Amino acid sequence: MKYVYFFGAGKAEGDGAMKELLGGKGAGLAEMTRIGLPVPAGFTITTECCDYYLKHGQKYPASLRSEVKKNLAHLERVTKKKLGDAKDPSW
């Protein structure tokens, strides 16, 4: 199961019809990215992940950490910035 959906650089893994999975804001950001609006890159963690967390004693799915790590790396490539970079702390 996929828990993280990326959007940015003119591409989105989701779209506006995926409100139930991405939430209203996540689906809106994906759709705005798909139609070419200038949306800062990012990613959305699904409502299924939230549901899993609530149903499993406040524990995240095992695959979530690797999905977030992969998407953070993608975000850094797209933005040409490094999270926690002391030389560019504004990010």
C-alpha atoms as a PDB file:
ATOM      1  CA  MET A   1       0.000   0.000   0.000  1.00  0.00           C
ATOM      2  CA  LYS A   2       1.217   3.493  -0.871  1.00  0.00           C
ATOM      3  CA  TYR A   3       0.974   6.098   1.895  1.00  0.00           C
ATOM      4  CA  VAL A   4       2.821   9.106   0.409  1.00  0.00           C
ATOM      5  CA  TYR A   5       1.956  11.009  -2.796  1.00  0.00           C
ATOM      6  CA  PHE A   6       4.358  13.581  -4.264  1.00  0.00           C
ATOM      7  CA  PHE A   7       3.513  16.775  -6.133  1.00  0.00           C
ATOM      8  CA  GLY A   8       5.878  19.311  -7.679  1.00  0.00           C
ATOM      9  CA  ALA A   9       7.826  20.326 -10.777  1.00  0.00           C
ATOM     10  CA  GLY A  10       4.618  20.235 -12.793  1.00  0.00           C
ATOM     11  CA  LYS A  11       3.782  16.622 -11.901  1.00  0.00           C
ATOM     12  CA  ALA A  12       1.537  15.082  -9.271  1.00  0.00           C
ATOM     13  CA  GLU A  13       0.955  11.494  -8.263  1.00  0.00           C
ATOM     14  CA  GLY A  14      -2.624  12.306  -7.311  1.00  0.00           C
ATOM     15  CA  ASP A  15      -5.423  14.519  -8.598  1.00  0.00           C
ATOM     16  CA  GLY A  16      -8.484  16.434  -7.465  1.00  0.00           C
ATOM     17  CA  ALA A  17     -10.710  13.351  -7.577  1.00  0.00           C
ATOM     18  CA  MET A  18      -8.709  11.668  -4.792  1.00  0.00           C
ATOM     19  CA  LYS A  19     -10.169  13.667  -1.868  1.00  0.00           C
ATOM     20  CA  GLU A  20     -11.002  10.566   0.143  1.00  0.00           C
ATOM     21  CA  LEU A  21      -7.399   9.313  -0.034  1.00  0.00           C
ATOM     22  CA  LEU A  22      -5.438  12.605  -0.012  1.00  0.00           C
ATOM     23  CA  GLY A  23      -7.832  14.781   1.954  1.00  0.00           C
ATOM     24  CA  GLY A  24      -9.267  17.981   0.501  1.00  0.00           C
ATOM     25  CA  LYS A  25      -6.050  19.975   0.761  1.00  0.00           C
ATOM     26  CA  GLY A  26      -3.834  17.198  -0.630  1.00  0.00           C
ATOM     27  CA  ALA A  27      -6.173  16.562  -3.562  1.00  0.00           C
ATOM     28  CA  GLY A  28      -6.372  20.308  -4.239  1.00  0.00           C
ATOM     29  CA  LEU A  29      -2.578  20.715  -4.237  1.00  0.00           C
ATOM     30  CA  ALA A  30      -2.184  17.740  -6.567  1.00  0.00           C
ATOM     31  CA  GLU A  31      -4.812  19.089  -8.954  1.00  0.00           C
ATOM     32  CA  MET A  32      -3.369  22.623  -8.960  1.00  0.00           C
ATOM     33  CA  THR A  33       0.046  21.136  -9.748  1.00  0.00           C
ATOM     34  CA  ARG A  34      -1.421  19.032 -12.574  1.00  0.00           C
ATOM     35  CA  ILE A  35      -3.069  22.052 -14.230  1.00  0.00           C
ATOM     36  CA  GLY A  36       0.117  24.090 -14.081  1.00  0.00           C
ATOM     37  CA  LEU A  37      -0.448  26.502 -11.203  1.00  0.00           C
ATOM     38  CA  PRO A  38       2.723  27.534  -9.332  1.00  0.00           C
ATOM     39  CA  VAL A  39       2.443  25.286  -6.277  1.00  0.00           C
ATOM     40  CA  PRO A  40       5.545  24.706  -4.128  1.00  0.00           C
ATOM     41  CA  ALA A  41       6.629  21.066  -4.258  1.00  0.00           C
ATOM     42  CA  GLY A  42       5.684  18.755  -1.428  1.00  0.00           C
ATOM     43  CA  PHE A  43       3.982  15.506  -0.559  1.00  0.00           C
ATOM     44  CA  THR A  44       0.828  14.329   1.144  1.00  0.00           C
ATOM     45  CA  ILE A  45       0.521  11.477   3.622  1.00  0.00           C
ATOM     46  CA  THR A  46      -2.748   9.670   2.955  1.00  0.00           C
ATOM     47  CA  THR A  47      -5.834   9.395   5.083  1.00  0.00           C
ATOM     48  CA  GLU A  48      -5.281   5.604   4.976  1.00  0.00           C
ATOM     49  CA  CYS A  49      -2.066   6.170   6.928  1.00  0.00           C
ATOM     50  CA  CYS A  50      -3.970   8.183   9.519  1.00  0.00           C
ATOM     51  CA  ASP A  51      -6.588   5.444   9.725  1.00  0.00           C
ATOM     52  CA  TYR A  52      -3.853   2.812  10.170  1.00  0.00           C
ATOM     53  CA  TYR A  53      -2.281   4.885  12.968  1.00  0.00           C
ATOM     54  CA  LEU A  54      -5.566   5.171  14.829  1.00  0.00           C
ATOM     55  CA  LYS A  55      -6.442   1.476  14.443  1.00  0.00           C
ATOM     56  CA  HIS A  56      -3.008   0.144  15.430  1.00  0.00           C
ATOM     57  CA  GLY A  57      -2.378   1.720  18.825  1.00  0.00           C
ATOM     58  CA  GLN A  58      -0.831   4.945  17.487  1.00  0.00           C
ATOM     59  CA  LYS A  59       1.788   3.080  15.454  1.00  0.00           C
ATOM     60  CA  TYR A  60       2.668   4.044  11.898  1.00  0.00           C
ATOM     61  CA  PRO A  61       2.790   1.541   9.031  1.00  0.00           C
ATOM     62  CA  ALA A  62       6.239  -0.047   8.681  1.00  0.00           C
ATOM     63  CA  SER A  63       6.692   1.319   5.140  1.00  0.00           C
ATOM     64  CA  LEU A  64       5.941   4.941   6.047  1.00  0.00           C
ATOM     65  CA  ARG A  65       9.472   5.878   7.147  1.00  0.00           C
ATOM     66  CA  SER A  66      11.030   4.713   3.867  1.00  0.00           C
ATOM     67  CA  GLU A  67       8.294   6.398   1.796  1.00  0.00           C
ATOM     68  CA  VAL A  68       8.809   9.717   3.611  1.00  0.00           C
ATOM     69  CA  LYS A  69      12.592   9.429   3.239  1.00  0.00           C
ATOM     70  CA  LYS A  70      12.251   8.747  -0.499  1.00  0.00           C
ATOM     71  CA  ASN A  71       9.881  11.687  -0.965  1.00  0.00           C
ATOM     72  CA  LEU A  72      12.079  14.045   1.075  1.00  0.00           C
ATOM     73  CA  ALA A  73      14.985  13.157  -1.211  1.00  0.00           C
ATOM     74  CA  HIS A  74      12.753  13.812  -4.241  1.00  0.00           C
ATOM     75  CA  LEU A  75      11.686  17.146  -2.737  1.00  0.00           C
ATOM     76  CA  GLU A  76      15.328  18.148  -2.220  1.00  0.00           C
ATOM     77  CA  ARG A  77      16.137  17.277  -5.858  1.00  0.00           C
ATOM     78  CA  VAL A  78      13.153  19.234  -7.198  1.00  0.00           C
ATOM     79  CA  THR A  79      13.800  22.323  -5.052  1.00  0.00           C
ATOM     80  CA  LYS A  80      17.603  22.102  -5.299  1.00  0.00           C
ATOM     81  CA  LYS A  81      17.701  22.619  -1.528  1.00  0.00           C
ATOM     82  CA  LYS A  82      18.746  20.404   1.366  1.00  0.00           C
ATOM     83  CA  LEU A  83      16.539  20.100   4.437  1.00  0.00           C
ATOM     84  CA  GLY A  84      18.425  21.355   7.508  1.00  0.00           C
ATOM     85  CA  ASP A  85      21.181  22.981   5.425  1.00  0.00           C
ATOM     86  CA  ALA A  86      23.070  25.408   7.705  1.00  0.00           C
ATOM     87  CA  LYS A  87      24.115  27.438   4.627  1.00  0.00           C
ATOM     88  CA  ASP A  88      20.480  27.975   3.585  1.00  0.00           C
ATOM     89  CA  PRO A  89      18.442  27.957   6.823  1.00  0.00           C
ATOM     90  CA  SER A  90      15.458  29.722   5.248  1.00  0.00           C
ATOM     91  CA  TRP A  91      14.282  26.416   3.871  1.00  0.00           C
END
